[in-house]
Amino acid sequence: MKTAKDEFLKRVKEILFLFKSKKKPLLFIFVPFIAVFSLSAFTLSSNNKTPISWTPKKIQEKVFVGTTKVLNAQFVSNEDLENISLEATPGLENFLTIIPSSFQKIEKNNITDIKLLFTVPANTKMDDYGGTIHIKLTDKSKRTYPQTLKVNLSVEEPTVDHIPEKITLPTEDRIYTDAETGNEFVKDELLVGFKDGVGTEKIKEIVNSINGVLIGGYTGLNLYQIKVSITNIEELNSLIQVLEANIEVEFASHSWLDKIQ
């Protein structure tokens, strides 16, 4: 009989294998379970007065430092387009990757899907970062369409008081490779499963007792990612032992990327 831990580890493996190779673009291997946060349903239309229409018209998103998040967006044109690129303004380009970022041809009145990968390194200053995504012709005219997708990114630190409802994905600067095994894990994070019936206040109390913060989780199974201030593997192992000695904890583990141990 599968336990909550088995179910969680299965889901985490599905998600974290995105990072099995740090050289691969994250978006080409994609897990709907948590990696993509779909925007609300809509109907796109374009008219003669507005060559380009975006949905959503504006994105306002919160992202924790040291994590990545993927959003969906769409646009439609009322005219055929050829050889275009999608670009972000300087306020966003350090955090945003647009996939795909170029098209050889877009047919009029057809919905075009794109993915927006927000990557916020661990040393990013907490602040609001704003800008736009615009469509630009790559021919000699270099024409830029005035209809843009407005984006506001709020970079925040995770806390012990707020319990996230979804698993978060780490940025590359939080990934460490074990010299002996070659396995990769998130160097400042633990996966912790709490027993059925353990409430949020008790979870916060336990997380606070190890000077941790809640950076992600799967609330349906009472399982969470806890970010800690230490990155030494021996000290992480000690924290795991402390957590597993707690009667409220079902299991504790490193955040391995290629396997969960």
C-alpha atoms as a PDB file:
ATOM      1  CA  MET A   1       0.000   0.000   0.000  1.00  0.00           C
ATOM      2  CA  LYS A   2       1.421   3.362  -1.006  1.00  0.00           C
ATOM      3  CA  THR A   3       2.075   5.834   1.775  1.00  0.00           C
ATOM      4  CA  ALA A   4       1.855   9.618   1.617  1.00  0.00           C
ATOM      5  CA  LYS A   5       5.644   9.663   1.421  1.00  0.00           C
ATOM      6  CA  ASP A   6       5.641   7.329  -1.594  1.00  0.00           C
ATOM      7  CA  GLU A   7       3.087   9.494  -3.386  1.00  0.00           C
ATOM      8  CA  PHE A   8       4.951  12.682  -2.602  1.00  0.00           C
ATOM      9  CA  LEU A   9       8.344  11.344  -3.646  1.00  0.00           C
ATOM     10  CA  LYS A  10       6.852  10.115  -6.909  1.00  0.00           C
ATOM     11  CA  ARG A  11       5.519  13.591  -7.627  1.00  0.00           C
ATOM     12  CA  VAL A  12       8.726  15.306  -6.541  1.00  0.00           C
ATOM     13  CA  LYS A  13      10.790  13.039  -8.792  1.00  0.00           C
ATOM     14  CA  GLU A  14       8.539  13.943 -11.706  1.00  0.00           C
ATOM     15  CA  ILE A  15       9.106  17.618 -11.007  1.00  0.00           C
ATOM     16  CA  LEU A  16      12.746  17.720 -10.020  1.00  0.00           C
ATOM     17  CA  PHE A  17      14.018  15.716 -12.989  1.00  0.00           C
ATOM     18  CA  LEU A  18      13.652  19.011 -14.839  1.00  0.00           C
ATOM     19  CA  PHE A  19      17.023  19.816 -13.335  1.00  0.00           C
ATOM     20  CA  LYS A  20      18.813  16.553 -14.092  1.00  0.00           C
ATOM     21  CA  SER A  21      21.006  18.475 -16.504  1.00  0.00           C
ATOM     22  CA  LYS A  22      21.641  22.115 -15.692  1.00  0.00           C
ATOM     23  CA  LYS A  23      22.628  22.667 -19.324  1.00  0.00           C
ATOM     24  CA  LYS A  24      19.159  21.839 -20.656  1.00  0.00           C
ATOM     25  CA  PRO A  25      16.588  24.600 -20.986  1.00  0.00           C
ATOM     26  CA  LEU A  26      14.075  23.980 -18.221  1.00  0.00           C
ATOM     27  CA  LEU A  27      11.022  24.490 -20.370  1.00  0.00           C
ATOM     28  CA  PHE A  28      11.587  21.691 -22.820  1.00  0.00           C
ATOM     29  CA  ILE A  29      10.886  19.110 -20.132  1.00  0.00           C
ATOM     30  CA  PHE A  30       7.758  20.307 -18.438  1.00  0.00           C
ATOM     31  CA  VAL A  31       5.559  18.959 -15.666  1.00  0.00           C
ATOM     32  CA  PRO A  32       2.054  20.391 -15.411  1.00  0.00           C
ATOM     33  CA  PHE A  33       1.738  19.207 -11.788  1.00  0.00           C
ATOM     34  CA  ILE A  34       3.426  22.325 -10.472  1.00  0.00           C
ATOM     35  CA  ALA A  35       5.876  23.818 -12.859  1.00  0.00           C
ATOM     36  CA  VAL A  36       3.373  25.736 -14.934  1.00  0.00           C
ATOM     37  CA  PHE A  37       0.949  28.111 -13.303  1.00  0.00           C
ATOM     38  CA  SER A  38      -1.750  28.563 -15.941  1.00  0.00           C
ATOM     39  CA  LEU A  39      -3.371  31.924 -16.275  1.00  0.00           C
ATOM     40  CA  SER A  40      -7.148  32.222 -16.300  1.00  0.00           C
ATOM     41  CA  ALA A  41      -9.132  31.093 -19.330  1.00  0.00           C
ATOM     42  CA  PHE A  42      -9.961  33.675 -21.920  1.00  0.00           C
ATOM     43  CA  THR A  43     -10.998  34.339 -25.506  1.00  0.00           C
ATOM     44  CA  LEU A  44      -8.525  36.248 -27.628  1.00  0.00           C
ATOM     45  CA  SER A  45      -9.651  38.536 -30.371  1.00  0.00           C
ATOM     46  CA  SER A  46      -8.034  41.194 -32.464  1.00  0.00           C
ATOM     47  CA  ASN A  47      -9.563  44.053 -34.395  1.00  0.00           C
ATOM     48  CA  ASN A  48      -8.458  46.471 -37.054  1.00  0.00           C
ATOM     49  CA  LYS A  49      -7.571  49.136 -34.514  1.00  0.00           C
ATOM     50  CA  THR A  50      -5.365  46.829 -32.456  1.00  0.00           C
ATOM     51  CA  PRO A  51      -2.935  44.743 -34.544  1.00  0.00           C
ATOM     52  CA  ILE A  52      -1.751  42.743 -31.507  1.00  0.00           C
ATOM     53  CA  SER A  53      -3.847  41.554 -28.558  1.00  0.00           C
ATOM     54  CA  TRP A  54      -2.391  39.903 -25.447  1.00  0.00           C
ATOM     55  CA  THR A  55      -3.955  37.687 -22.829  1.00  0.00           C
ATOM     56  CA  PRO A  56      -3.628  38.346 -20.053  1.00  0.00           C
ATOM     57  CA  LYS A  57      -3.320  42.071 -20.634  1.00  0.00           C
ATOM     58  CA  LYS A  58      -1.073  42.343 -17.590  1.00  0.00           C
ATOM     59  CA  ILE A  59       0.908  39.919 -15.442  1.00  0.00           C
ATOM     60  CA  GLN A  60       1.482  40.601 -11.766  1.00  0.00           C
ATOM     61  CA  GLU A  61       3.370  37.786 -10.091  1.00  0.00           C
ATOM     62  CA  LYS A  62       5.175  37.054  -6.810  1.00  0.00           C
ATOM     63  CA  VAL A  63       8.322  34.928  -6.945  1.00  0.00           C
ATOM     64  CA  PHE A  64      10.590  33.844  -4.093  1.00  0.00           C
ATOM     65  CA  VAL A  65      14.307  34.555  -4.355  1.00  0.00           C
ATOM     66  CA  GLY A  66      16.175  31.455  -5.454  1.00  0.00           C
ATOM     67  CA  THR A  67      13.241  29.985  -7.374  1.00  0.00           C
ATOM     68  CA  THR A  68      11.863  29.770 -10.881  1.00  0.00           C
ATOM     69  CA  LYS A  69       8.282  30.001 -12.064  1.00  0.00           C
ATOM     70  CA  VAL A  70       6.659  29.384 -15.426  1.00  0.00           C
ATOM     71  CA  LEU A  71       3.579  31.199 -16.717  1.00  0.00           C
ATOM     72  CA  ASN A  72       1.562  30.858 -19.894  1.00  0.00           C
ATOM     73  CA  ALA A  73       0.604  33.777 -22.132  1.00  0.00           C
ATOM     74  CA  GLN A  74      -0.934  34.155 -25.570  1.00  0.00           C
ATOM     75  CA  PHE A  75      -1.185  36.736 -28.302  1.00  0.00           C
ATOM     76  CA  VAL A  76      -3.059  37.114 -31.571  1.00  0.00           C
ATOM     77  CA  SER A  77      -2.457  39.381 -34.554  1.00  0.00           C
ATOM     78  CA  ASN A  78      -5.002  40.676 -37.067  1.00  0.00           C
ATOM     79  CA  GLU A  79      -2.374  40.525 -39.797  1.00  0.00           C
ATOM     80  CA  ASP A  80       0.119  37.927 -40.964  1.00  0.00           C
ATOM     81  CA  LEU A  81       3.531  38.374 -39.366  1.00  0.00           C
ATOM     82  CA  GLU A  82       6.909  37.142 -40.554  1.00  0.00           C
ATOM     83  CA  ASN A  83      10.304  37.032 -38.864  1.00  0.00           C
ATOM     84  CA  ILE A  84       9.398  38.434 -35.472  1.00  0.00           C
ATOM     85  CA  SER A  85      11.083  38.326 -32.090  1.00  0.00           C
ATOM     86  CA  LEU A  86       9.642  38.693 -28.603  1.00  0.00           C
ATOM     87  CA  GLU A  87      11.770  40.827 -26.305  1.00  0.00           C
ATOM     88  CA  ALA A  88      11.593  42.078 -22.735  1.00  0.00           C
ATOM     89  CA  THR A  89      12.563  45.558 -21.615  1.00  0.00           C
ATOM     90  CA  PRO A  90      15.728  45.982 -19.488  1.00  0.00           C
ATOM     91  CA  GLY A  91      13.792  45.929 -16.211  1.00  0.00           C
ATOM     92  CA  LEU A  92      12.792  42.323 -16.865  1.00  0.00           C
ATOM     93  CA  GLU A  93      15.391  40.792 -19.163  1.00  0.00           C
ATOM     94  CA  ASN A  94      17.617  39.654 -16.269  1.00  0.00           C
ATOM     95  CA  PHE A  95      14.782  37.533 -14.873  1.00  0.00           C
ATOM     96  CA  LEU A  96      12.746  36.497 -17.888  1.00  0.00           C
ATOM     97  CA  THR A  97      13.207  33.952 -20.655  1.00  0.00           C
ATOM     98  CA  ILE A  98      10.548  33.850 -23.371  1.00  0.00           C
ATOM     99  CA  ILE A  99      10.000  30.492 -25.072  1.00  0.00           C
ATOM    100  CA  PRO A 100       9.858  30.563 -27.998  1.00  0.00           C
ATOM    101  CA  SER A 101      11.337  34.020 -28.445  1.00  0.00           C
ATOM    102  CA  SER A 102      11.110  34.151 -32.240  1.00  0.00           C
ATOM    103  CA  PHE A 103       8.789  33.028 -35.025  1.00  0.00           C
ATOM    104  CA  GLN A 104       9.308  32.781 -38.764  1.00  0.00           C
ATOM    105  CA  LYS A 105       5.603  33.190 -39.440  1.00  0.00           C
ATOM    106  CA  ILE A 106       2.428  33.966 -37.509  1.00  0.00           C
ATOM    107  CA  GLU A 107      -0.893  33.654 -39.295  1.00  0.00           C
ATOM    108  CA  LYS A 108      -3.492  36.303 -38.606  1.00  0.00           C
ATOM    109  CA  ASN A 109      -6.268  35.601 -36.100  1.00  0.00           C
ATOM    110  CA  ASN A 110      -4.465  32.505 -34.815  1.00  0.00           C
ATOM    111  CA  ILE A 111      -3.706  32.211 -31.103  1.00  0.00           C
ATOM    112  CA  THR A 112       0.019  31.881 -30.394  1.00  0.00           C
ATOM    113  CA  ASP A 113       1.122  30.350 -27.091  1.00  0.00           C
ATOM    114  CA  ILE A 114       4.315  31.308 -25.307  1.00  0.00           C
ATOM    115  CA  LYS A 115       5.857  30.376 -21.973  1.00  0.00           C
ATOM    116  CA  LEU A 116       7.452  32.874 -19.634  1.00  0.00           C
ATOM    117  CA  LEU A 117      10.209  31.496 -17.415  1.00  0.00           C
ATOM    118  CA  PHE A 118      10.946  33.757 -14.460  1.00  0.00           C
ATOM    119  CA  THR A 119      14.299  32.972 -12.833  1.00  0.00           C
ATOM    120  CA  VAL A 120      15.176  34.862  -9.649  1.00  0.00           C
ATOM    121  CA  PRO A 121      18.714  34.087  -8.364  1.00  0.00           C
ATOM    122  CA  ALA A 122      19.210  33.693  -4.620  1.00  0.00           C
ATOM    123  CA  ASN A 123      21.134  36.979  -4.322  1.00  0.00           C
ATOM    124  CA  THR A 124      18.414  39.090  -5.955  1.00  0.00           C
ATOM    125  CA  LYS A 125      17.359  42.194  -4.057  1.00  0.00           C
ATOM    126  CA  MET A 126      13.784  42.075  -2.809  1.00  0.00           C
ATOM    127  CA  ASP A 127      11.896  44.642  -4.848  1.00  0.00           C
ATOM    128  CA  ASP A 128       9.287  45.113  -7.559  1.00  0.00           C
ATOM    129  CA  TYR A 129      10.602  44.775 -11.097  1.00  0.00           C
ATOM    130  CA  GLY A 130       8.464  45.977 -13.969  1.00  0.00           C
ATOM    131  CA  GLY A 131       8.577  46.190 -17.720  1.00  0.00           C
ATOM    132  CA  THR A 132       6.956  44.939 -20.887  1.00  0.00           C
ATOM    133  CA  ILE A 133       7.207  42.223 -23.507  1.00  0.00           C
ATOM    134  CA  HIS A 134       6.958  43.506 -27.046  1.00  0.00           C
ATOM    135  CA  ILE A 135       6.899  42.097 -30.564  1.00  0.00           C
ATOM    136  CA  LYS A 136       9.563  43.312 -32.959  1.00  0.00           C
ATOM    137  CA  LEU A 137      10.178  42.643 -36.640  1.00  0.00           C
ATOM    138  CA  THR A 138      13.661  41.325 -37.351  1.00  0.00           C
ATOM    139  CA  ASP A 139      13.806  42.727 -40.876  1.00  0.00           C
ATOM    140  CA  LYS A 140      15.438  46.019 -41.844  1.00  0.00           C
ATOM    141  CA  SER A 141      12.501  48.043 -40.560  1.00  0.00           C
ATOM    142  CA  LYS A 142      12.979  46.799 -36.956  1.00  0.00           C
ATOM    143  CA  ARG A 143       9.392  47.820 -36.360  1.00  0.00           C
ATOM    144  CA  THR A 144       8.150  47.373 -32.799  1.00  0.00           C
ATOM    145  CA  TYR A 145       4.428  46.966 -32.222  1.00  0.00           C
ATOM    146  CA  PRO A 146       3.073  49.356 -29.581  1.00  0.00           C
ATOM    147  CA  GLN A 147       0.768  46.745 -28.046  1.00  0.00           C
ATOM    148  CA  THR A 148       2.828  45.202 -25.234  1.00  0.00           C
ATOM    149  CA  LEU A 149       2.306  42.726 -22.417  1.00  0.00           C
ATOM    150  CA  LYS A 150       2.869  44.539 -19.124  1.00  0.00           C
ATOM    151  CA  VAL A 151       4.678  42.533 -16.447  1.00  0.00           C
ATOM    152  CA  ASN A 152       5.267  43.318 -12.783  1.00  0.00           C
ATOM    153  CA  LEU A 153       7.439  40.906 -10.814  1.00  0.00           C
ATOM    154  CA  SER A 154       7.460  41.126  -7.025  1.00  0.00           C
ATOM    155  CA  VAL A 155      10.547  39.407  -5.582  1.00  0.00           C
ATOM    156  CA  GLU A 156      10.022  38.241  -2.007  1.00  0.00           C
ATOM    157  CA  GLU A 157      11.719  36.175   0.684  1.00  0.00           C
ATOM    158  CA  PRO A 158       9.907  33.078   1.940  1.00  0.00           C
ATOM    159  CA  THR A 159       8.838  33.154   5.593  1.00  0.00           C
ATOM    160  CA  VAL A 160       7.798  30.701   8.281  1.00  0.00           C
ATOM    161  CA  ASP A 161       4.396  32.356   8.612  1.00  0.00           C
ATOM    162  CA  HIS A 162       3.132  31.810   5.071  1.00  0.00           C
ATOM    163  CA  ILE A 163       2.624  28.228   3.907  1.00  0.00           C
ATOM    164  CA  PRO A 164       2.951  27.928   0.103  1.00  0.00           C
ATOM    165  CA  GLU A 165       0.508  25.573  -1.577  1.00  0.00           C
ATOM    166  CA  LYS A 166       2.768  24.488  -4.454  1.00  0.00           C
ATOM    167  CA  ILE A 167       6.245  23.048  -4.831  1.00  0.00           C
ATOM    168  CA  THR A 168       8.850  25.542  -6.003  1.00  0.00           C
ATOM    169  CA  LEU A 169      11.724  24.913  -8.397  1.00  0.00           C
ATOM    170  CA  PRO A 170      15.260  26.044  -7.470  1.00  0.00           C
ATOM    171  CA  THR A 171      17.498  28.321  -9.474  1.00  0.00           C
ATOM    172  CA  GLU A 172      20.846  26.974 -10.633  1.00  0.00           C
ATOM    173  CA  ASP A 173      22.785  28.865  -7.961  1.00  0.00           C
ATOM    174  CA  ARG A 174      21.096  26.753  -5.276  1.00  0.00           C
ATOM    175  CA  ILE A 175      22.102  23.433  -6.838  1.00  0.00           C
ATOM    176  CA  TYR A 176      25.044  21.454  -5.451  1.00  0.00           C
ATOM    177  CA  THR A 177      26.719  18.334  -6.848  1.00  0.00           C
ATOM    178  CA  ASP A 178      27.834  15.680  -4.379  1.00  0.00           C
ATOM    179  CA  ALA A 179      31.520  15.003  -5.111  1.00  0.00           C
ATOM    180  CA  GLU A 180      31.301  11.306  -4.171  1.00  0.00           C
ATOM    181  CA  THR A 181      28.112  10.287  -5.949  1.00  0.00           C
ATOM    182  CA  GLY A 182      27.679  12.968  -8.601  1.00  0.00           C
ATOM    183  CA  ASN A 183      24.077  13.407  -7.485  1.00  0.00           C
ATOM    184  CA  GLU A 184      22.638  16.906  -7.412  1.00  0.00           C
ATOM    185  CA  PHE A 185      20.498  18.406  -4.687  1.00  0.00           C
ATOM    186  CA  VAL A 186      19.224  21.764  -3.503  1.00  0.00           C
ATOM    187  CA  LYS A 187      21.945  22.794  -1.093  1.00  0.00           C
ATOM    188  CA  ASP A 188      19.844  24.845   1.322  1.00  0.00           C
ATOM    189  CA  GLU A 189      16.578  22.921   1.345  1.00  0.00           C
ATOM    190  CA  LEU A 190      14.947  19.880   2.925  1.00  0.00           C
ATOM    191  CA  LEU A 191      11.798  17.963   2.018  1.00  0.00           C
ATOM    192  CA  VAL A 192       9.685  17.224   5.085  1.00  0.00           C
ATOM    193  CA  GLY A 193       6.485  15.234   5.386  1.00  0.00           C
ATOM    194  CA  PHE A 194       4.309  15.731   8.441  1.00  0.00           C
ATOM    195  CA  LYS A 195       1.934  13.115   9.817  1.00  0.00           C
ATOM    196  CA  ASP A 196      -1.779  13.279   9.151  1.00  0.00           C
ATOM    197  CA  GLY A 197      -3.530  15.645  11.505  1.00  0.00           C
ATOM    198  CA  VAL A 198      -0.528  17.876  12.195  1.00  0.00           C
ATOM    199  CA  GLY A 199      -1.870  21.425  11.900  1.00  0.00           C
ATOM    200  CA  THR A 200      -0.335  24.507  10.343  1.00  0.00           C
ATOM    201  CA  GLU A 201       0.643  26.108  13.643  1.00  0.00           C
ATOM    202  CA  LYS A 202       2.587  23.013  14.712  1.00  0.00           C
ATOM    203  CA  ILE A 203       4.258  22.879  11.277  1.00  0.00           C
ATOM    204  CA  LYS A 204       5.335  26.509  11.616  1.00  0.00           C
ATOM    205  CA  GLU A 205       6.634  25.798  15.123  1.00  0.00           C
ATOM    206  CA  ILE A 206       8.768  22.880  13.917  1.00  0.00           C
ATOM    207  CA  VAL A 207      10.105  24.820  10.921  1.00  0.00           C
ATOM    208  CA  ASN A 208      10.948  27.765  13.161  1.00  0.00           C
ATOM    209  CA  SER A 209      12.775  25.460  15.596  1.00  0.00           C
ATOM    210  CA  ILE A 210      15.405  24.722  12.910  1.00  0.00           C
ATOM    211  CA  ASN A 211      15.542  28.368  11.772  1.00  0.00           C
ATOM    212  CA  GLY A 212      13.873  27.434   8.508  1.00  0.00           C
ATOM    213  CA  VAL A 213      11.311  29.045   6.234  1.00  0.00           C
ATOM    214  CA  LEU A 214       8.605  27.507   4.066  1.00  0.00           C
ATOM    215  CA  ILE A 215       9.514  27.882   0.402  1.00  0.00           C
ATOM    216  CA  GLY A 216       7.131  25.361  -1.162  1.00  0.00           C
ATOM    217  CA  GLY A 217       4.896  22.421  -0.499  1.00  0.00           C
ATOM    218  CA  TYR A 218       2.083  20.114  -1.409  1.00  0.00           C
ATOM    219  CA  THR A 219      -0.580  20.837   1.179  1.00  0.00           C
ATOM    220  CA  GLY A 220      -2.801  17.974   0.073  1.00  0.00           C
ATOM    221  CA  LEU A 221      -0.268  15.542   1.531  1.00  0.00           C
ATOM    222  CA  ASN A 222       1.044  17.774   4.348  1.00  0.00           C
ATOM    223  CA  LEU A 223       4.499  17.797   2.726  1.00  0.00           C
ATOM    224  CA  TYR A 224       6.751  20.840   2.451  1.00  0.00           C
ATOM    225  CA  GLN A 225      10.036  22.252   1.233  1.00  0.00           C
ATOM    226  CA  ILE A 226      11.933  23.958   4.028  1.00  0.00           C
ATOM    227  CA  LYS A 227      14.692  26.394   3.163  1.00  0.00           C
ATOM    228  CA  VAL A 228      17.446  26.633   5.768  1.00  0.00           C
ATOM    229  CA  SER A 229      20.394  28.947   6.274  1.00  0.00           C
ATOM    230  CA  ILE A 230      23.034  26.193   6.134  1.00  0.00           C
ATOM    231  CA  THR A 231      24.438  24.570   2.992  1.00  0.00           C
ATOM    232  CA  ASN A 232      26.906  22.067   4.474  1.00  0.00           C
ATOM    233  CA  ILE A 233      25.800  18.501   3.751  1.00  0.00           C
ATOM    234  CA  GLU A 234      26.857  17.194   7.177  1.00  0.00           C
ATOM    235  CA  GLU A 235      24.842  19.898   8.899  1.00  0.00           C
ATOM    236  CA  LEU A 236      21.891  19.156   6.632  1.00  0.00           C
ATOM    237  CA  ASN A 237      22.156  15.490   7.620  1.00  0.00           C
ATOM    238  CA  SER A 238      22.068  16.523  11.274  1.00  0.00           C
ATOM    239  CA  LEU A 239      18.923  18.571  10.665  1.00  0.00           C
ATOM    240  CA  ILE A 240      17.307  15.587   8.957  1.00  0.00           C
ATOM    241  CA  GLN A 241      18.021  13.463  12.040  1.00  0.00           C
ATOM    242  CA  VAL A 242      16.541  16.129  14.308  1.00  0.00           C
ATOM    243  CA  LEU A 243      13.400  16.337  12.207  1.00  0.00           C
ATOM    244  CA  GLU A 244      12.918  12.581  11.927  1.00  0.00           C
ATOM    245  CA  ALA A 245      13.186  12.302  15.718  1.00  0.00           C
ATOM    246  CA  ASN A 246      10.135  14.545  16.018  1.00  0.00           C
ATOM    247  CA  ILE A 247       6.940  12.530  16.555  1.00  0.00           C
ATOM    248  CA  GLU A 248       5.022  14.915  14.293  1.00  0.00           C
ATOM    249  CA  VAL A 249       7.290  14.207  11.283  1.00  0.00           C
ATOM    250  CA  GLU A 250       6.654  11.340   8.871  1.00  0.00           C
ATOM    251  CA  PHE A 251       9.965  11.745   7.016  1.00  0.00           C
ATOM    252  CA  ALA A 252      12.704  14.247   6.158  1.00  0.00           C
ATOM    253  CA  SER A 253      15.001  14.177   3.134  1.00  0.00           C
ATOM    254  CA  HIS A 254      17.464  16.125   1.045  1.00  0.00           C
ATOM    255  CA  SER A 255      15.993  17.764  -2.053  1.00  0.00           C
ATOM    256  CA  TRP A 256      17.781  15.476  -4.495  1.00  0.00           C
ATOM    257  CA  LEU A 257      17.340  16.400  -8.121  1.00  0.00           C
ATOM    258  CA  ASP A 258      17.943  13.077  -9.833  1.00  0.00           C
ATOM    259  CA  LYS A 259      16.682  10.860  -7.027  1.00  0.00           C
ATOM    260  CA  ILE A 260      15.149  11.236  -3.599  1.00  0.00           C
ATOM    261  CA  GLN A 261      17.021   9.504  -0.771  1.00  0.00           C
END
